[in-house]
């Protein structure tokens, strides 16, 4: 089994459910994105360009769906979080599966893909 799959499957149930849902949405919306394992977390790439990554933060109790060019995105900026001195990355954070708004996630995935293709 691939390390990115093991990362997801070895998470506690609440994180695993969120991660599996987000992966399914990303694979549906951005089918050309490939899931790799970089810096000890699942990381989606489009071609050779980093797109977004997933991180289960047990200490802070959320799953981070982080967009590499999050500061460039226009939609849903009120929902994107930038902390820890991140100058490029912004993320959606989910503590429960029920918190996920698929419309917001899909909008941001589409916009992030368009932005990446322009670079």
PDB file of N, CA and C in Angstrom:
ATOM      1  N   UNK A   1       0.846  -1.184   0.000  1.00  0.00           N
ATOM      2  CA  UNK A   1       0.000   0.000   0.000  1.00  0.00           C
ATOM      3  C   UNK A   1       0.893   1.250   0.000  1.00  0.00           C
ATOM      4  N   UNK A   2       0.456   2.278  -0.678  1.00  0.00           N
ATOM      5  CA  UNK A   2       1.224   3.515  -0.787  1.00  0.00           C
ATOM      6  C   UNK A   2       1.190   4.293   0.532  1.00  0.00           C
ATOM      7  N   UNK A   3       2.267   5.032   0.821  1.00  0.00           N
ATOM      8  CA  UNK A   3       2.315   5.765   2.093  1.00  0.00           C
ATOM      9  C   UNK A   3       1.206   6.802   2.247  1.00  0.00           C
ATOM     10  N   UNK A   4       0.784   7.446   1.165  1.00  0.00           N
ATOM     11  CA  UNK A   4      -0.307   8.419   1.262  1.00  0.00           C
ATOM     12  C   UNK A   4      -1.617   7.741   1.657  1.00  0.00           C
ATOM     13  N   UNK A   5      -1.822   6.525   1.186  1.00  0.00           N
ATOM     14  CA  UNK A   5      -3.018   5.769   1.557  1.00  0.00           C
ATOM     15  C   UNK A   5      -2.931   5.315   3.018  1.00  0.00           C
ATOM     16  N   UNK A   6      -1.760   4.867   3.420  1.00  0.00           N
ATOM     17  CA  UNK A   6      -1.566   4.451   4.808  1.00  0.00           C
ATOM     18  C   UNK A   6      -1.769   5.621   5.767  1.00  0.00           C
ATOM     19  N   UNK A   7      -1.286   6.800   5.384  1.00  0.00           N
ATOM     20  CA  UNK A   7      -1.475   7.991   6.210  1.00  0.00           C
ATOM     21  C   UNK A   7      -2.964   8.189   6.496  1.00  0.00           C
ATOM     22  N   UNK A   8      -3.765   8.107   5.458  1.00  0.00           N
ATOM     23  CA  UNK A   8      -5.213   8.325   5.597  1.00  0.00           C
ATOM     24  C   UNK A   8      -5.857   7.197   6.388  1.00  0.00           C
ATOM     25  N   UNK A   9      -5.583   5.973   6.012  1.00  0.00           N
ATOM     26  CA  UNK A   9      -6.249   4.825   6.629  1.00  0.00           C
ATOM     27  C   UNK A   9      -5.846   4.615   8.092  1.00  0.00           C
ATOM     28  N   UNK A  10      -4.664   5.080   8.467  1.00  0.00           N
ATOM     29  CA  UNK A  10      -4.202   4.911   9.850  1.00  0.00           C
ATOM     30  C   UNK A  10      -4.655   6.023  10.782  1.00  0.00           C
ATOM     31  N   UNK A  11      -5.425   6.979  10.281  1.00  0.00           N
ATOM     32  CA  UNK A  11      -5.935   8.069  11.123  1.00  0.00           C
ATOM     33  C   UNK A  11      -7.111   7.577  11.970  1.00  0.00           C
ATOM     34  N   UNK A  12      -7.352   8.223  13.099  1.00  0.00           N
ATOM     35  CA  UNK A  12      -8.578   7.919  13.853  1.00  0.00           C
ATOM     36  C   UNK A  12      -9.802   8.167  12.962  1.00  0.00           C
ATOM     37  N   UNK A  13     -10.884   7.504  13.280  1.00  0.00           N
ATOM     38  CA  UNK A  13     -12.060   7.478  12.407  1.00  0.00           C
ATOM     39  C   UNK A  13     -12.544   8.859  11.962  1.00  0.00           C
ATOM     40  N   UNK A  14     -12.642   9.816  12.871  1.00  0.00           N
ATOM     41  CA  UNK A  14     -13.173  11.126  12.472  1.00  0.00           C
ATOM     42  C   UNK A  14     -12.274  11.803  11.436  1.00  0.00           C
ATOM     43  N   UNK A  15     -10.957  11.735  11.599  1.00  0.00           N
ATOM     44  CA  UNK A  15     -10.035  12.316  10.616  1.00  0.00           C
ATOM     45  C   UNK A  15     -10.069  11.516   9.315  1.00  0.00           C
ATOM     46  N   UNK A  16     -10.091  10.206   9.446  1.00  0.00           N
ATOM     47  CA  UNK A  16     -10.104   9.335   8.268  1.00  0.00           C
ATOM     48  C   UNK A  16     -11.324   9.611   7.403  1.00  0.00           C
ATOM     49  N   UNK A  17     -12.488   9.762   8.026  1.00  0.00           N
ATOM     50  CA  UNK A  17     -13.712  10.029   7.268  1.00  0.00           C
ATOM     51  C   UNK A  17     -13.615  11.347   6.505  1.00  0.00           C
ATOM     52  N   UNK A  18     -13.089  12.372   7.163  1.00  0.00           N
ATOM     53  CA  UNK A  18     -12.925  13.671   6.503  1.00  0.00           C
ATOM     54  C   UNK A  18     -11.940  13.546   5.345  1.00  0.00           C
ATOM     55  N   UNK A  19     -10.808  12.925   5.608  1.00  0.00           N
ATOM     56  CA  UNK A  19      -9.790  12.784   4.566  1.00  0.00           C
ATOM     57  C   UNK A  19     -10.298  11.992   3.363  1.00  0.00           C
ATOM     58  N   UNK A  20     -10.978  10.901   3.614  1.00  0.00           N
ATOM     59  CA  UNK A  20     -11.517  10.102   2.510  1.00  0.00           C
ATOM     60  C   UNK A  20     -12.534  10.886   1.693  1.00  0.00           C
ATOM     61  N   UNK A  21     -13.360  11.663   2.364  1.00  0.00           N
ATOM     62  CA  UNK A  21     -14.354  12.478   1.662  1.00  0.00           C
ATOM     63  C   UNK A  21     -13.662  13.536   0.795  1.00  0.00           C
ATOM     64  N   UNK A  22     -12.701  14.241   1.374  1.00  0.00           N
ATOM     65  CA  UNK A  22     -12.003  15.295   0.636  1.00  0.00           C
ATOM     66  C   UNK A  22     -11.248  14.707  -0.556  1.00  0.00           C
ATOM     67  N   UNK A  23     -10.587  13.588  -0.367  1.00  0.00           N
ATOM     68  CA  UNK A  23      -9.879  12.939  -1.472  1.00  0.00           C
ATOM     69  C   UNK A  23     -10.850  12.588  -2.592  1.00  0.00           C
ATOM     70  N   UNK A  24     -12.005  12.048  -2.243  1.00  0.00           N
ATOM     71  CA  UNK A  24     -13.004  11.682  -3.251  1.00  0.00           C
ATOM     72  C   UNK A  24     -13.473  12.918  -4.029  1.00  0.00           C
ATOM     73  N   UNK A  25     -13.695  14.014  -3.330  1.00  0.00           N
ATOM     74  CA  UNK A  25     -14.129  15.244  -4.002  1.00  0.00           C
ATOM     75  C   UNK A  25     -13.027  15.755  -4.925  1.00  0.00           C
ATOM     76  N   UNK A  26     -11.793  15.779  -4.437  1.00  0.00           N
ATOM     77  CA  UNK A  26     -10.684  16.247  -5.274  1.00  0.00           C
ATOM     78  C   UNK A  26     -10.542  15.375  -6.513  1.00  0.00           C
ATOM     79  N   UNK A  27     -10.608  14.064  -6.335  1.00  0.00           N
ATOM     80  CA  UNK A  27     -10.476  13.160  -7.484  1.00  0.00           C
ATOM     81  C   UNK A  27     -11.602  13.351  -8.495  1.00  0.00           C
ATOM     82  N   UNK A  28     -12.782  13.721  -8.032  1.00  0.00           N
ATOM     83  CA  UNK A  28     -13.926  13.956  -8.914  1.00  0.00           C
ATOM     84  C   UNK A  28     -13.764  15.283  -9.658  1.00  0.00           C
ATOM     85  N   UNK A  29     -13.367  16.333  -8.941  1.00  0.00           N
ATOM     86  CA  UNK A  29     -13.322  17.691  -9.501  1.00  0.00           C
ATOM     87  C   UNK A  29     -12.040  17.926 -10.309  1.00  0.00           C
ATOM     88  N   UNK A  30     -10.946  17.346  -9.859  1.00  0.00           N
ATOM     89  CA  UNK A  30      -9.646  17.549 -10.509  1.00  0.00           C
ATOM     90  C   UNK A  30      -9.033  16.170 -10.804  1.00  0.00           C
ATOM     91  N   UNK A  31      -9.617  15.445 -11.767  1.00  0.00           N
ATOM     92  CA  UNK A  31      -9.182  14.063 -11.990  1.00  0.00           C
ATOM     93  C   UNK A  31      -7.723  13.927 -12.429  1.00  0.00           C
ATOM     94  N   UNK A  32      -7.149  14.998 -12.972  1.00  0.00           N
ATOM     95  CA  UNK A  32      -5.754  14.924 -13.395  1.00  0.00           C
ATOM     96  C   UNK A  32      -4.779  15.071 -12.221  1.00  0.00           C
ATOM     97  N   UNK A  33      -5.266  15.437 -11.058  1.00  0.00           N
ATOM     98  CA  UNK A  33      -4.408  15.576  -9.879  1.00  0.00           C
ATOM     99  C   UNK A  33      -3.991  14.190  -9.389  1.00  0.00           C
ATOM    100  N   UNK A  34      -2.741  14.087  -9.000  1.00  0.00           N
ATOM    101  CA  UNK A  34      -2.238  12.824  -8.476  1.00  0.00           C
ATOM    102  C   UNK A  34      -1.911  12.992  -6.997  1.00  0.00           C
ATOM    103  N   UNK A  35      -2.252  11.990  -6.232  1.00  0.00           N
ATOM    104  CA  UNK A  35      -1.996  12.010  -4.791  1.00  0.00           C
ATOM    105  C   UNK A  35      -0.647  11.357  -4.524  1.00  0.00           C
ATOM    106  N   UNK A  36       0.251  12.153  -3.939  1.00  0.00           N
ATOM    107  CA  UNK A  36       1.586  11.673  -3.607  1.00  0.00           C
ATOM    108  C   UNK A  36       1.795  11.799  -2.104  1.00  0.00           C
ATOM    109  N   UNK A  37       2.972  11.437  -1.671  1.00  0.00           N
ATOM    110  CA  UNK A  37       3.320  11.532  -0.250  1.00  0.00           C
ATOM    111  C   UNK A  37       4.587  12.360  -0.151  1.00  0.00           C
ATOM    112  N   UNK A  38       4.444  13.604   0.280  1.00  0.00           N
ATOM    113  CA  UNK A  38       5.568  14.530   0.388  1.00  0.00           C
ATOM    114  C   UNK A  38       5.555  15.138   1.779  1.00  0.00           C
ATOM    115  N   UNK A  39       6.717  15.307   2.359  1.00  0.00           N
ATOM    116  CA  UNK A  39       6.842  15.923   3.678  1.00  0.00           C
ATOM    117  C   UNK A  39       5.964  15.222   4.717  1.00  0.00           C
ATOM    118  N   UNK A  40       5.803  13.904   4.553  1.00  0.00           N
ATOM    119  CA  UNK A  40       5.065  13.041   5.480  1.00  0.00           C
ATOM    120  C   UNK A  40       3.563  13.308   5.538  1.00  0.00           C
ATOM    121  N   UNK A  41       3.012  13.883   4.447  1.00  0.00           N
ATOM    122  CA  UNK A  41       1.563  14.112   4.346  1.00  0.00           C
ATOM    123  C   UNK A  41       1.102  13.847   2.907  1.00  0.00           C
ATOM    124  N   UNK A  42      -0.199  13.567   2.716  1.00  0.00           N
ATOM    125  CA  UNK A  42      -0.740  13.415   1.369  1.00  0.00           C
ATOM    126  C   UNK A  42      -0.738  14.775   0.648  1.00  0.00           C
ATOM    127  N   UNK A  43      -0.208  14.784  -0.568  1.00  0.00           N
ATOM    128  CA  UNK A  43      -0.020  16.020  -1.316  1.00  0.00           C
ATOM    129  C   UNK A  43      -0.487  15.793  -2.749  1.00  0.00           C
ATOM    130  N   UNK A  44      -1.424  16.600  -3.197  1.00  0.00           N
ATOM    131  CA  UNK A  44      -1.895  16.510  -4.575  1.00  0.00           C
ATOM    132  C   UNK A  44      -1.036  17.381  -5.479  1.00  0.00           C
ATOM    133  N   UNK A  45      -0.701  16.823  -6.627  1.00  0.00           N
ATOM    134  CA  UNK A  45       0.047  17.532  -7.660  1.00  0.00           C
ATOM    135  C   UNK A  45      -0.757  17.514  -8.956  1.00  0.00           C
ATOM    136  N   UNK A  46      -0.604  18.566  -9.720  1.00  0.00           N
ATOM    137  CA  UNK A  46      -1.094  18.578 -11.094  1.00  0.00           C
ATOM    138  C   UNK A  46       0.152  18.689 -11.951  1.00  0.00           C
ATOM    139  N   UNK A  47       0.453  17.614 -12.656  1.00  0.00           N
ATOM    140  CA  UNK A  47       1.733  17.545 -13.344  1.00  0.00           C
ATOM    141  C   UNK A  47       2.827  17.560 -12.293  1.00  0.00           C
ATOM    142  N   UNK A  48       3.761  18.480 -12.440  1.00  0.00           N
ATOM    143  CA  UNK A  48       4.850  18.591 -11.466  1.00  0.00           C
ATOM    144  C   UNK A  48       4.623  19.734 -10.485  1.00  0.00           C
ATOM    145  N   UNK A  49       3.456  20.360 -10.551  1.00  0.00           N
ATOM    146  CA  UNK A  49       3.178  21.512  -9.701  1.00  0.00           C
ATOM    147  C   UNK A  49       2.367  21.100  -8.472  1.00  0.00           C
ATOM    148  N   UNK A  50       2.803  21.524  -7.279  1.00  0.00           N
ATOM    149  CA  UNK A  50       2.027  21.225  -6.069  1.00  0.00           C
ATOM    150  C   UNK A  50       0.700  21.971  -6.085  1.00  0.00           C
ATOM    151  N   UNK A  51      -0.371  21.275  -5.740  1.00  0.00           N
ATOM    152  CA  UNK A  51      -1.720  21.818  -5.827  1.00  0.00           C
ATOM    153  C   UNK A  51      -2.305  22.082  -4.434  1.00  0.00           C
ATOM    154  N   UNK A  52      -2.433  21.028  -3.647  1.00  0.00           N
ATOM    155  CA  UNK A  52      -2.945  21.167  -2.282  1.00  0.00           C
ATOM    156  C   UNK A  52      -2.481  19.963  -1.457  1.00  0.00           C
ATOM    157  N   UNK A  53      -2.536  20.143  -0.153  1.00  0.00           N
ATOM    158  CA  UNK A  53      -2.160  19.020   0.701  1.00  0.00           C
ATOM    159  C   UNK A  53      -3.185  18.848   1.811  1.00  0.00           C
ATOM    160  N   UNK A  54      -3.143  17.664   2.422  1.00  0.00           N
ATOM    161  CA  UNK A  54      -4.061  17.298   3.495  1.00  0.00           C
ATOM    162  C   UNK A  54      -3.236  16.980   4.735  1.00  0.00           C
ATOM    163  N   UNK A  55      -3.671  17.516   5.859  1.00  0.00           N
ATOM    164  CA  UNK A  55      -2.942  17.270   7.095  1.00  0.00           C
ATOM    165  C   UNK A  55      -3.926  17.106   8.245  1.00  0.00           C
ATOM    166  N   UNK A  56      -3.815  16.001   8.936  1.00  0.00           N
ATOM    167  CA  UNK A  56      -4.633  15.768  10.125  1.00  0.00           C
ATOM    168  C   UNK A  56      -3.852  16.269  11.326  1.00  0.00           C
ATOM    169  N   UNK A  57      -4.328  17.327  11.950  1.00  0.00           N
ATOM    170  CA  UNK A  57      -3.672  17.892  13.121  1.00  0.00           C
ATOM    171  C   UNK A  57      -4.356  17.350  14.373  1.00  0.00           C
ATOM    172  N   UNK A  58      -3.759  16.355  14.969  1.00  0.00           N
ATOM    173  CA  UNK A  58      -4.340  15.739  16.171  1.00  0.00           C
ATOM    174  C   UNK A  58      -4.292  16.712  17.341  1.00  0.00           C
ATOM    175  N   UNK A  59      -3.218  17.481  17.422  1.00  0.00           N
ATOM    176  CA  UNK A  59      -3.066  18.421  18.526  1.00  0.00           C
ATOM    177  C   UNK A  59      -4.161  19.490  18.487  1.00  0.00           C
ATOM    178  N   UNK A  60      -4.431  20.029  17.296  1.00  0.00           N
ATOM    179  CA  UNK A  60      -5.431  21.094  17.167  1.00  0.00           C
ATOM    180  C   UNK A  60      -6.802  20.556  16.771  1.00  0.00           C
ATOM    181  N   UNK A  61      -6.874  19.274  16.497  1.00  0.00           N
ATOM    182  CA  UNK A  61      -8.127  18.558  16.245  1.00  0.00           C
ATOM    183  C   UNK A  61      -8.884  19.036  15.010  1.00  0.00           C
ATOM    184  N   UNK A  62      -8.184  19.092  13.876  1.00  0.00           N
ATOM    185  CA  UNK A  62      -8.844  19.400  12.618  1.00  0.00           C
ATOM    186  C   UNK A  62      -8.070  18.777  11.470  1.00  0.00           C
ATOM    187  N   UNK A  63      -8.720  18.726  10.324  1.00  0.00           N
ATOM    188  CA  UNK A  63      -8.059  18.340   9.083  1.00  0.00           C
ATOM    189  C   UNK A  63      -7.899  19.611   8.262  1.00  0.00           C
ATOM    190  N   UNK A  64      -6.698  19.823   7.823  1.00  0.00           N
ATOM    191  CA  UNK A  64      -6.334  20.987   7.024  1.00  0.00           C
ATOM    192  C   UNK A  64      -6.350  20.586   5.553  1.00  0.00           C
ATOM    193  N   UNK A  65      -7.109  21.306   4.735  1.00  0.00           N
ATOM    194  CA  UNK A  65      -7.075  21.158   3.281  1.00  0.00           C
ATOM    195  C   UNK A  65      -6.428  22.441   2.783  1.00  0.00           C
ATOM    196  N   UNK A  66      -5.141  22.369   2.512  1.00  0.00           N
ATOM    197  CA  UNK A  66      -4.337  23.563   2.268  1.00  0.00           C
ATOM    198  C   UNK A  66      -4.057  23.753   0.779  1.00  0.00           C
ATOM    199  N   UNK A  67      -4.351  24.948   0.317  1.00  0.00           N
ATOM    200  CA  UNK A  67      -4.140  25.313  -1.089  1.00  0.00           C
ATOM    201  C   UNK A  67      -2.817  26.059  -1.207  1.00  0.00           C
ATOM    202  N   UNK A  68      -1.949  25.590  -2.081  1.00  0.00           N
ATOM    203  CA  UNK A  68      -0.613  26.161  -2.216  1.00  0.00           C
ATOM    204  C   UNK A  68      -0.641  27.648  -2.563  1.00  0.00           C
ATOM    205  N   UNK A  69      -1.560  28.071  -3.385  1.00  0.00           N
ATOM    206  CA  UNK A  69      -1.672  29.486  -3.762  1.00  0.00           C
ATOM    207  C   UNK A  69      -2.927  30.090  -3.160  1.00  0.00           C
ATOM    208  N   UNK A  70      -3.200  29.764  -1.920  1.00  0.00           N
ATOM    209  CA  UNK A  70      -4.422  30.208  -1.259  1.00  0.00           C
ATOM    210  C   UNK A  70      -4.598  31.707  -1.206  1.00  0.00           C
ATOM    211  N   UNK A  71      -3.493  32.449  -1.133  1.00  0.00           N
ATOM    212  CA  UNK A  71      -3.592  33.910  -1.076  1.00  0.00           C
ATOM    213  C   UNK A  71      -4.020  34.496  -2.422  1.00  0.00           C
ATOM    214  N   UNK A  72      -3.878  33.732  -3.477  1.00  0.00           N
ATOM    215  CA  UNK A  72      -4.258  34.211  -4.807  1.00  0.00           C
ATOM    216  C   UNK A  72      -5.731  33.958  -5.121  1.00  0.00           C
ATOM    217  N   UNK A  73      -6.359  33.094  -4.358  1.00  0.00           N
ATOM    218  CA  UNK A  73      -7.749  32.746  -4.618  1.00  0.00           C
ATOM    219  C   UNK A  73      -8.657  33.907  -4.220  1.00  0.00           C
ATOM    220  N   UNK A  74      -9.735  34.089  -4.971  1.00  0.00           N
ATOM    221  CA  UNK A  74     -10.651  35.193  -4.728  1.00  0.00           C
ATOM    222  C   UNK A  74     -11.905  34.759  -3.964  1.00  0.00           C
ATOM    223  N   UNK A  75     -12.395  33.580  -4.262  1.00  0.00           N
ATOM    224  CA  UNK A  75     -13.654  33.156  -3.652  1.00  0.00           C
ATOM    225  C   UNK A  75     -13.427  32.577  -2.255  1.00  0.00           C
ATOM    226  N   UNK A  76     -14.387  32.800  -1.403  1.00  0.00           N
ATOM    227  CA  UNK A  76     -14.437  32.216  -0.052  1.00  0.00           C
ATOM    228  C   UNK A  76     -13.231  32.572   0.819  1.00  0.00           C
ATOM    229  N   UNK A  77     -12.643  33.733   0.606  1.00  0.00           N
ATOM    230  CA  UNK A  77     -11.495  34.150   1.422  1.00  0.00           C
ATOM    231  C   UNK A  77     -11.871  34.227   2.905  1.00  0.00           C
ATOM    232  N   UNK A  78     -13.146  34.495   3.167  1.00  0.00           N
ATOM    233  CA  UNK A  78     -13.600  34.566   4.560  1.00  0.00           C
ATOM    234  C   UNK A  78     -13.550  33.207   5.262  1.00  0.00           C
ATOM    235  N   UNK A  79     -13.454  32.136   4.494  1.00  0.00           N
ATOM    236  CA  UNK A  79     -13.405  30.792   5.071  1.00  0.00           C
ATOM    237  C   UNK A  79     -11.996  30.204   5.077  1.00  0.00           C
ATOM    238  N   UNK A  80     -11.094  30.815   4.326  1.00  0.00           N
ATOM    239  CA  UNK A  80      -9.728  30.314   4.244  1.00  0.00           C
ATOM    240  C   UNK A  80      -8.888  30.868   5.388  1.00  0.00           C
ATOM    241  N   UNK A  81      -8.052  30.014   5.943  1.00  0.00           N
ATOM    242  CA  UNK A  81      -7.261  30.370   7.118  1.00  0.00           C
ATOM    243  C   UNK A  81      -5.785  30.400   6.749  1.00  0.00           C
ATOM    244  N   UNK A  82      -5.139  31.457   7.178  1.00  0.00           N
ATOM    245  CA  UNK A  82      -3.684  31.577   7.025  1.00  0.00           C
ATOM    246  C   UNK A  82      -3.121  31.887   8.400  1.00  0.00           C
ATOM    247  N   UNK A  83      -2.337  30.996   8.907  1.00  0.00           N
ATOM    248  CA  UNK A  83      -1.709  31.251  10.208  1.00  0.00           C
ATOM    249  C   UNK A  83      -0.325  30.633  10.225  1.00  0.00           C
ATOM    250  N   UNK A  84       0.359  30.828  11.307  1.00  0.00           N
ATOM    251  CA  UNK A  84       1.684  30.248  11.442  1.00  0.00           C
ATOM    252  C   UNK A  84       2.711  30.859  10.506  1.00  0.00           C
ATOM    253  N   UNK A  85       2.465  32.082  10.053  1.00  0.00           N
ATOM    254  CA  UNK A  85       3.430  32.751   9.196  1.00  0.00           C
ATOM    255  C   UNK A  85       3.416  32.277   7.751  1.00  0.00           C
ATOM    256  N   UNK A  86       2.363  31.593   7.368  1.00  0.00           N
ATOM    257  CA  UNK A  86       2.297  31.123   5.984  1.00  0.00           C
ATOM    258  C   UNK A  86       2.075  32.327   5.056  1.00  0.00           C
ATOM    259  N   UNK A  87       2.899  32.467   4.056  1.00  0.00           N
ATOM    260  CA  UNK A  87       2.791  33.611   3.158  1.00  0.00           C
ATOM    261  C   UNK A  87       2.122  33.261   1.837  1.00  0.00           C
ATOM    262  N   UNK A  88       1.954  31.995   1.581  1.00  0.00           N
ATOM    263  CA  UNK A  88       1.397  31.565   0.301  1.00  0.00           C
ATOM    264  C   UNK A  88       0.183  30.653   0.472  1.00  0.00           C
ATOM    265  N   UNK A  89       0.206  29.849   1.507  1.00  0.00           N
ATOM    266  CA  UNK A  89      -0.787  28.800   1.719  1.00  0.00           C
ATOM    267  C   UNK A  89      -1.944  29.307   2.586  1.00  0.00           C
ATOM    268  N   UNK A  90      -3.164  28.971   2.150  1.00  0.00           N
ATOM    269  CA  UNK A  90      -4.359  29.165   2.977  1.00  0.00           C
ATOM    270  C   UNK A  90      -5.138  27.853   2.945  1.00  0.00           C
ATOM    271  N   UNK A  91      -5.916  27.626   3.996  1.00  0.00           N
ATOM    272  CA  UNK A  91      -6.567  26.325   4.070  1.00  0.00           C
ATOM    273  C   UNK A  91      -7.986  26.395   4.613  1.00  0.00           C
ATOM    274  N   UNK A  92      -8.715  25.370   4.262  1.00  0.00           N
ATOM    275  CA  UNK A  92     -10.010  25.086   4.882  1.00  0.00           C
ATOM    276  C   UNK A  92      -9.722  24.113   6.016  1.00  0.00           C
ATOM    277  N   UNK A  93     -10.426  24.274   7.118  1.00  0.00           N
ATOM    278  CA  UNK A  93     -10.220  23.369   8.249  1.00  0.00           C
ATOM    279  C   UNK A  93     -11.545  22.749   8.657  1.00  0.00           C
ATOM    280  N   UNK A  94     -11.494  21.443   8.875  1.00  0.00           N
ATOM    281  CA  UNK A  94     -12.695  20.700   9.235  1.00  0.00           C
ATOM    282  C   UNK A  94     -12.448  19.878  10.493  1.00  0.00           C
ATOM    283  N   UNK A  95     -13.362  20.017  11.434  1.00  0.00           N
ATOM    284  CA  UNK A  95     -13.297  19.209  12.654  1.00  0.00           C
ATOM    285  C   UNK A  95     -14.237  18.010  12.576  1.00  0.00           C
ATOM    286  N   UNK A  96     -15.265  18.121  11.735  1.00  0.00           N
ATOM    287  CA  UNK A  96     -16.213  17.015  11.544  1.00  0.00           C
ATOM    288  C   UNK A  96     -16.547  16.888  10.062  1.00  0.00           C
ATOM    289  N   UNK A  97     -16.983  15.731   9.695  1.00  0.00           N
ATOM    290  CA  UNK A  97     -17.404  15.485   8.320  1.00  0.00           C
ATOM    291  C   UNK A  97     -18.585  16.380   7.949  1.00  0.00           C
ATOM    292  N   UNK A  98     -19.452  16.631   8.913  1.00  0.00           N
ATOM    293  CA  UNK A  98     -20.654  17.435   8.668  1.00  0.00           C
ATOM    294  C   UNK A  98     -20.331  18.899   8.374  1.00  0.00           C
ATOM    295  N   UNK A  99     -19.171  19.377   8.789  1.00  0.00           N
ATOM    296  CA  UNK A  99     -18.773  20.760   8.537  1.00  0.00           C
ATOM    297  C   UNK A  99     -18.432  21.032   7.078  1.00  0.00           C
ATOM    298  N   UNK A 100     -18.160  19.998   6.322  1.00  0.00           N
ATOM    299  CA  UNK A 100     -17.716  20.179   4.945  1.00  0.00           C
ATOM    300  C   UNK A 100     -18.872  20.680   4.080  1.00  0.00           C
ATOM    301  N   UNK A 101     -18.667  21.833   3.474  1.00  0.00           N
ATOM    302  CA  UNK A 101     -19.598  22.381   2.493  1.00  0.00           C
ATOM    303  C   UNK A 101     -19.008  22.042   1.126  1.00  0.00           C
ATOM    304  N   UNK A 102     -19.571  21.032   0.481  1.00  0.00           N
ATOM    305  CA  UNK A 102     -19.017  20.571  -0.792  1.00  0.00           C
ATOM    306  C   UNK A 102     -18.983  21.670  -1.840  1.00  0.00           C
ATOM    307  N   UNK A 103     -19.978  22.557  -1.849  1.00  0.00           N
ATOM    308  CA  UNK A 103     -20.002  23.637  -2.835  1.00  0.00           C
ATOM    309  C   UNK A 103     -18.786  24.547  -2.668  1.00  0.00           C
ATOM    310  N   UNK A 104     -18.466  24.898  -1.440  1.00  0.00           N
ATOM    311  CA  UNK A 104     -17.291  25.740  -1.166  1.00  0.00           C
ATOM    312  C   UNK A 104     -16.017  25.005  -1.573  1.00  0.00           C
ATOM    313  N   UNK A 105     -15.893  23.758  -1.161  1.00  0.00           N
ATOM    314  CA  UNK A 105     -14.709  22.968  -1.491  1.00  0.00           C
ATOM    315  C   UNK A 105     -14.532  22.869  -3.004  1.00  0.00           C
ATOM    316  N   UNK A 106     -15.601  22.582  -3.709  1.00  0.00           N
ATOM    317  CA  UNK A 106     -15.541  22.453  -5.169  1.00  0.00           C
ATOM    318  C   UNK A 106     -15.178  23.782  -5.818  1.00  0.00           C
ATOM    319  N   UNK A 107     -15.789  24.875  -5.376  1.00  0.00           N
ATOM    320  CA  UNK A 107     -15.455  26.204  -5.915  1.00  0.00           C
ATOM    321  C   UNK A 107     -13.962  26.481  -5.775  1.00  0.00           C
ATOM    322  N   UNK A 108     -13.423  26.221  -4.589  1.00  0.00           N
ATOM    323  CA  UNK A 108     -12.015  26.509  -4.342  1.00  0.00           C
ATOM    324  C   UNK A 108     -11.096  25.584  -5.130  1.00  0.00           C
ATOM    325  N   UNK A 109     -11.475  24.333  -5.271  1.00  0.00           N
ATOM    326  CA  UNK A 109     -10.671  23.407  -6.076  1.00  0.00           C
ATOM    327  C   UNK A 109     -10.606  23.872  -7.527  1.00  0.00           C
ATOM    328  N   UNK A 110     -11.749  24.272  -8.061  1.00  0.00           N
ATOM    329  CA  UNK A 110     -11.784  24.738  -9.455  1.00  0.00           C
ATOM    330  C   UNK A 110     -10.955  26.004  -9.630  1.00  0.00           C
ATOM    331  N   UNK A 111     -11.099  26.941  -8.710  1.00  0.00           N
ATOM    332  CA  UNK A 111     -10.350  28.187  -8.808  1.00  0.00           C
ATOM    333  C   UNK A 111      -8.848  27.943  -8.632  1.00  0.00           C
ATOM    334  N   UNK A 112      -8.475  27.103  -7.682  1.00  0.00           N
ATOM    335  CA  UNK A 112      -7.059  26.796  -7.462  1.00  0.00           C
ATOM    336  C   UNK A 112      -6.454  26.126  -8.692  1.00  0.00           C
ATOM    337  N   UNK A 113      -7.217  25.276  -9.334  1.00  0.00           N
ATOM    338  CA  UNK A 113      -6.741  24.619 -10.558  1.00  0.00           C
ATOM    339  C   UNK A 113      -6.528  25.651 -11.658  1.00  0.00           C
ATOM    340  N   UNK A 114      -7.465  26.561 -11.832  1.00  0.00           N
ATOM    341  CA  UNK A 114      -7.317  27.611 -12.857  1.00  0.00           C
ATOM    342  C   UNK A 114      -6.100  28.475 -12.567  1.00  0.00           C
ATOM    343  N   UNK A 115      -5.913  28.848 -11.307  1.00  0.00           N
ATOM    344  CA  UNK A 115      -4.769  29.662 -10.934  1.00  0.00           C
ATOM    345  C   UNK A 115      -3.460  28.930 -11.242  1.00  0.00           C
ATOM    346  N   UNK A 116      -3.401  27.663 -10.894  1.00  0.00           N
ATOM    347  CA  UNK A 116      -2.189  26.869 -11.116  1.00  0.00           C
ATOM    348  C   UNK A 116      -1.876  26.761 -12.597  1.00  0.00           C
ATOM    349  N   UNK A 117      -2.915  26.614 -13.409  1.00  0.00           N
ATOM    350  CA  UNK A 117      -2.710  26.487 -14.857  1.00  0.00           C
ATOM    351  C   UNK A 117      -2.194  27.791 -15.468  1.00  0.00           C
ATOM    352  N   UNK A 118      -2.464  28.930 -14.847  1.00  0.00           N
ATOM    353  CA  UNK A 118      -1.981  30.219 -15.346  1.00  0.00           C
ATOM    354  C   UNK A 118      -0.505  30.457 -15.039  1.00  0.00           C
ATOM    355  N   UNK A 119      -0.029  29.810 -13.974  1.00  0.00           N
ATOM    356  CA  UNK A 119       1.366  30.037 -13.552  1.00  0.00           C
ATOM    357  C   UNK A 119       2.345  29.464 -14.525  1.00  0.00           C
TER     358      UNK A 119
END
